[in-house]
Each structure stands twice: as C-alpha cells, then as structure tokens.
Amino acid sequence: MPTKGRLINDAVVKLEEALDKLEVARRKLQDARNPRHVDLTVKIEDLRQIYEILTDPECTPEIEEVGSDA
C-alpha cells in the first residue's frame, strides 16, 4: 500500500505534467490573441502555488519520506 508521502509525490509529478500542458495551452491562446489566456495565467499561478506548498518540506514533510526511501 502506498504511503502518504508516495501518494503526494505521485500527485506532484502529475501536477508538473499538467502545468507543462497548461503552459502550452496558454501560449497558444496568447498567440491566437484570445483574451482567455489571462484567465488561464491566473489559474496556472494558483496551481504553481499549490505545487510550491506540496514540494516544500516545511509545509509537506511527507515528501521527504519519499526521498529517503529511494
């Protein structure tokens, strides 16, 4: 059974992948001069803040467990 740290780490990996894809979508909307790219930029920043919290050992100490298990 996966540990809490492993589950958080897996979520972080998926979040990284999602952020990369959302950044591509944002650039395409911006290139198309679609004003919705501004809304997407705000949402991406919200997700980046969540990512920072999840990867900060002070906020999410379980993430360190995964590193020591390797």
N, C-alpha and C. Protein backbone atom coordinates (compact mmCIF):
# COMPACT_ATOMS: atom_id res chain seq x y z
N MET A 1 0.85 -1.18 0.00
CA MET A 1 0.00 0.00 0.00
C MET A 1 0.89 1.24 0.00
N PRO A 2 0.61 2.18 -0.91
CA PRO A 2 1.45 3.39 -0.99
C PRO A 2 1.35 4.22 0.29
N THR A 3 2.48 4.82 0.64
CA THR A 3 2.50 5.70 1.79
C THR A 3 1.93 7.06 1.41
N LYS A 4 1.62 7.86 2.41
CA LYS A 4 1.11 9.21 2.16
C LYS A 4 2.13 10.02 1.36
N GLY A 5 3.40 9.86 1.72
CA GLY A 5 4.47 10.57 1.00
C GLY A 5 4.54 10.16 -0.46
N ARG A 6 4.40 8.86 -0.74
CA ARG A 6 4.45 8.37 -2.12
C ARG A 6 3.25 8.91 -2.91
N LEU A 7 2.08 8.93 -2.30
CA LEU A 7 0.89 9.46 -2.97
C LEU A 7 1.05 10.95 -3.28
N ILE A 8 1.60 11.69 -2.33
CA ILE A 8 1.83 13.12 -2.56
C ILE A 8 2.86 13.30 -3.67
N ASN A 9 3.91 12.50 -3.65
CA ASN A 9 4.93 12.59 -4.68
C ASN A 9 4.34 12.29 -6.06
N ASP A 10 3.50 11.27 -6.14
CA ASP A 10 2.84 10.95 -7.41
C ASP A 10 1.96 12.11 -7.87
N ALA A 11 1.27 12.74 -6.94
CA ALA A 11 0.42 13.89 -7.27
C ALA A 11 1.27 15.05 -7.78
N VAL A 12 2.43 15.25 -7.17
CA VAL A 12 3.34 16.32 -7.60
C VAL A 12 3.80 16.08 -9.04
N VAL A 13 4.12 14.84 -9.37
CA VAL A 13 4.54 14.52 -10.74
C VAL A 13 3.42 14.84 -11.72
N LYS A 14 2.19 14.44 -11.39
CA LYS A 14 1.05 14.72 -12.26
C LYS A 14 0.79 16.22 -12.38
N LEU A 15 1.00 16.94 -11.29
CA LEU A 15 0.81 18.39 -11.30
C LEU A 15 1.85 19.05 -12.20
N GLU A 16 3.09 18.56 -12.13
CA GLU A 16 4.13 19.08 -13.03
C GLU A 16 3.75 18.88 -14.49
N GLU A 17 3.26 17.68 -14.80
CA GLU A 17 2.84 17.39 -16.18
C GLU A 17 1.70 18.30 -16.60
N ALA A 18 0.75 18.49 -15.72
CA ALA A 18 -0.41 19.34 -16.02
C ALA A 18 0.02 20.79 -16.24
N LEU A 19 0.92 21.28 -15.39
CA LEU A 19 1.39 22.66 -15.53
C LEU A 19 2.10 22.86 -16.87
N ASP A 20 2.89 21.88 -17.28
CA ASP A 20 3.56 21.98 -18.58
C ASP A 20 2.54 22.08 -19.71
N LYS A 21 1.52 21.24 -19.66
CA LYS A 21 0.50 21.25 -20.71
C LYS A 21 -0.33 22.53 -20.69
N LEU A 22 -0.64 23.01 -19.50
CA LEU A 22 -1.41 24.25 -19.39
C LEU A 22 -0.61 25.44 -19.90
N GLU A 23 0.70 25.42 -19.68
CA GLU A 23 1.56 26.50 -20.18
C GLU A 23 1.53 26.51 -21.71
N VAL A 24 1.56 25.35 -22.33
CA VAL A 24 1.48 25.26 -23.80
C VAL A 24 0.14 25.82 -24.27
N ALA A 25 -0.94 25.43 -23.60
CA ALA A 25 -2.27 25.92 -23.96
C ALA A 25 -2.35 27.44 -23.80
N ARG A 26 -1.78 27.96 -22.72
CA ARG A 26 -1.80 29.40 -22.50
C ARG A 26 -1.08 30.14 -23.63
N ARG A 27 0.09 29.63 -24.02
CA ARG A 27 0.85 30.27 -25.10
C ARG A 27 0.06 30.24 -26.42
N LYS A 28 -0.60 29.13 -26.68
CA LYS A 28 -1.39 29.04 -27.92
C LYS A 28 -2.56 30.03 -27.90
N LEU A 29 -3.21 30.15 -26.75
CA LEU A 29 -4.29 31.14 -26.63
C LEU A 29 -3.75 32.56 -26.79
N GLN A 30 -2.58 32.79 -26.22
CA GLN A 30 -1.97 34.12 -26.33
C GLN A 30 -1.62 34.40 -27.79
N ASP A 31 -1.03 33.41 -28.47
CA ASP A 31 -0.69 33.59 -29.89
C ASP A 31 -1.93 33.83 -30.73
N ALA A 32 -3.04 33.23 -30.34
CA ALA A 32 -4.30 33.42 -31.07
C ALA A 32 -4.98 34.73 -30.68
N ARG A 33 -4.35 35.44 -29.77
CA ARG A 33 -4.88 36.72 -29.25
C ARG A 33 -6.25 36.54 -28.60
N ASN A 34 -6.43 35.39 -27.97
CA ASN A 34 -7.66 35.11 -27.25
C ASN A 34 -7.51 35.65 -25.83
N PRO A 35 -8.43 36.50 -25.40
CA PRO A 35 -8.29 37.12 -24.08
C PRO A 35 -8.37 36.12 -22.91
N ARG A 36 -8.83 34.91 -23.16
CA ARG A 36 -8.95 33.91 -22.09
C ARG A 36 -7.58 33.47 -21.57
N HIS A 37 -6.50 33.80 -22.31
CA HIS A 37 -5.18 33.40 -21.83
C HIS A 37 -4.85 34.08 -20.50
N VAL A 38 -5.45 35.24 -20.26
CA VAL A 38 -5.22 35.93 -18.99
C VAL A 38 -5.84 35.14 -17.84
N ASP A 39 -7.05 34.65 -18.03
CA ASP A 39 -7.69 33.83 -17.00
C ASP A 39 -6.87 32.56 -16.73
N LEU A 40 -6.38 31.96 -17.79
CA LEU A 40 -5.59 30.75 -17.65
C LEU A 40 -4.29 31.04 -16.91
N THR A 41 -3.69 32.19 -17.16
CA THR A 41 -2.47 32.56 -16.46
C THR A 41 -2.71 32.62 -14.95
N VAL A 42 -3.83 33.17 -14.56
CA VAL A 42 -4.18 33.26 -13.13
C VAL A 42 -4.35 31.86 -12.54
N LYS A 43 -5.03 30.99 -13.25
CA LYS A 43 -5.25 29.62 -12.77
C LYS A 43 -3.92 28.86 -12.66
N ILE A 44 -3.06 29.05 -13.65
CA ILE A 44 -1.74 28.39 -13.61
C ILE A 44 -0.96 28.85 -12.39
N GLU A 45 -1.02 30.13 -12.09
CA GLU A 45 -0.31 30.65 -10.92
C GLU A 45 -0.86 30.03 -9.63
N ASP A 46 -2.18 29.87 -9.56
CA ASP A 46 -2.78 29.20 -8.40
C ASP A 46 -2.23 27.79 -8.25
N LEU A 47 -2.15 27.06 -9.35
CA LEU A 47 -1.63 25.69 -9.31
C LEU A 47 -0.14 25.67 -8.95
N ARG A 48 0.60 26.67 -9.42
CA ARG A 48 2.03 26.75 -9.06
C ARG A 48 2.20 26.96 -7.56
N GLN A 49 1.32 27.73 -6.95
CA GLN A 49 1.38 27.93 -5.51
C GLN A 49 1.11 26.63 -4.77
N ILE A 50 0.15 25.86 -5.24
CA ILE A 50 -0.12 24.55 -4.64
C ILE A 50 1.11 23.65 -4.80
N TYR A 51 1.71 23.67 -5.98
CA TYR A 51 2.91 22.88 -6.24
C TYR A 51 4.03 23.27 -5.26
N GLU A 52 4.23 24.56 -5.06
CA GLU A 52 5.27 25.03 -4.15
C GLU A 52 5.03 24.52 -2.73
N ILE A 53 3.80 24.53 -2.29
CA ILE A 53 3.45 24.03 -0.95
C ILE A 53 3.73 22.54 -0.86
N LEU A 54 3.31 21.80 -1.87
CA LEU A 54 3.49 20.35 -1.85
C LEU A 54 4.96 19.94 -1.89
N THR A 55 5.79 20.74 -2.51
CA THR A 55 7.21 20.38 -2.62
C THR A 55 8.08 21.03 -1.55
N ASP A 56 7.49 21.82 -0.68
CA ASP A 56 8.22 22.45 0.42
C ASP A 56 8.22 21.50 1.62
N PRO A 57 9.39 21.02 2.02
CA PRO A 57 9.45 20.07 3.14
C PRO A 57 8.90 20.62 4.46
N GLU A 58 8.93 21.93 4.63
CA GLU A 58 8.37 22.51 5.85
C GLU A 58 6.85 22.44 5.85
N CYS A 59 6.25 22.59 4.69
CA CYS A 59 4.79 22.55 4.58
C CYS A 59 4.27 21.12 4.43
N THR A 60 5.04 20.30 3.75
CA THR A 60 4.63 18.92 3.46
C THR A 60 5.80 17.99 3.80
N PRO A 61 6.00 17.70 5.09
CA PRO A 61 7.15 16.88 5.47
C PRO A 61 7.11 15.46 4.89
N GLU A 62 5.92 14.97 4.52
CA GLU A 62 5.82 13.62 3.97
C GLU A 62 6.61 13.46 2.68
N ILE A 63 6.82 14.56 1.97
CA ILE A 63 7.54 14.49 0.69
C ILE A 63 8.99 14.06 0.92
N GLU A 64 9.56 14.38 2.07
CA GLU A 64 10.92 13.97 2.38
C GLU A 64 11.02 12.46 2.60
N GLU A 65 9.95 11.84 3.07
CA GLU A 65 9.95 10.39 3.27
C GLU A 65 10.25 9.67 1.97
N VAL A 66 9.71 10.18 0.89
CA VAL A 66 9.89 9.54 -0.41
C VAL A 66 11.34 9.61 -0.81
N GLY A 67 11.98 10.75 -0.60
CA GLY A 67 13.39 10.90 -0.95
C GLY A 67 14.28 9.97 -0.16
N SER A 68 13.96 9.73 1.11
CA SER A 68 14.78 8.85 1.94
C SER A 68 14.49 7.38 1.67
N ASP A 69 13.34 7.07 1.06
CA ASP A 69 13.00 5.69 0.72
C ASP A 69 13.76 5.21 -0.51
N ALA A 70 14.17 6.14 -1.33
CA ALA A 70 14.79 5.77 -2.62
C ALA A 70 16.14 5.14 -2.47
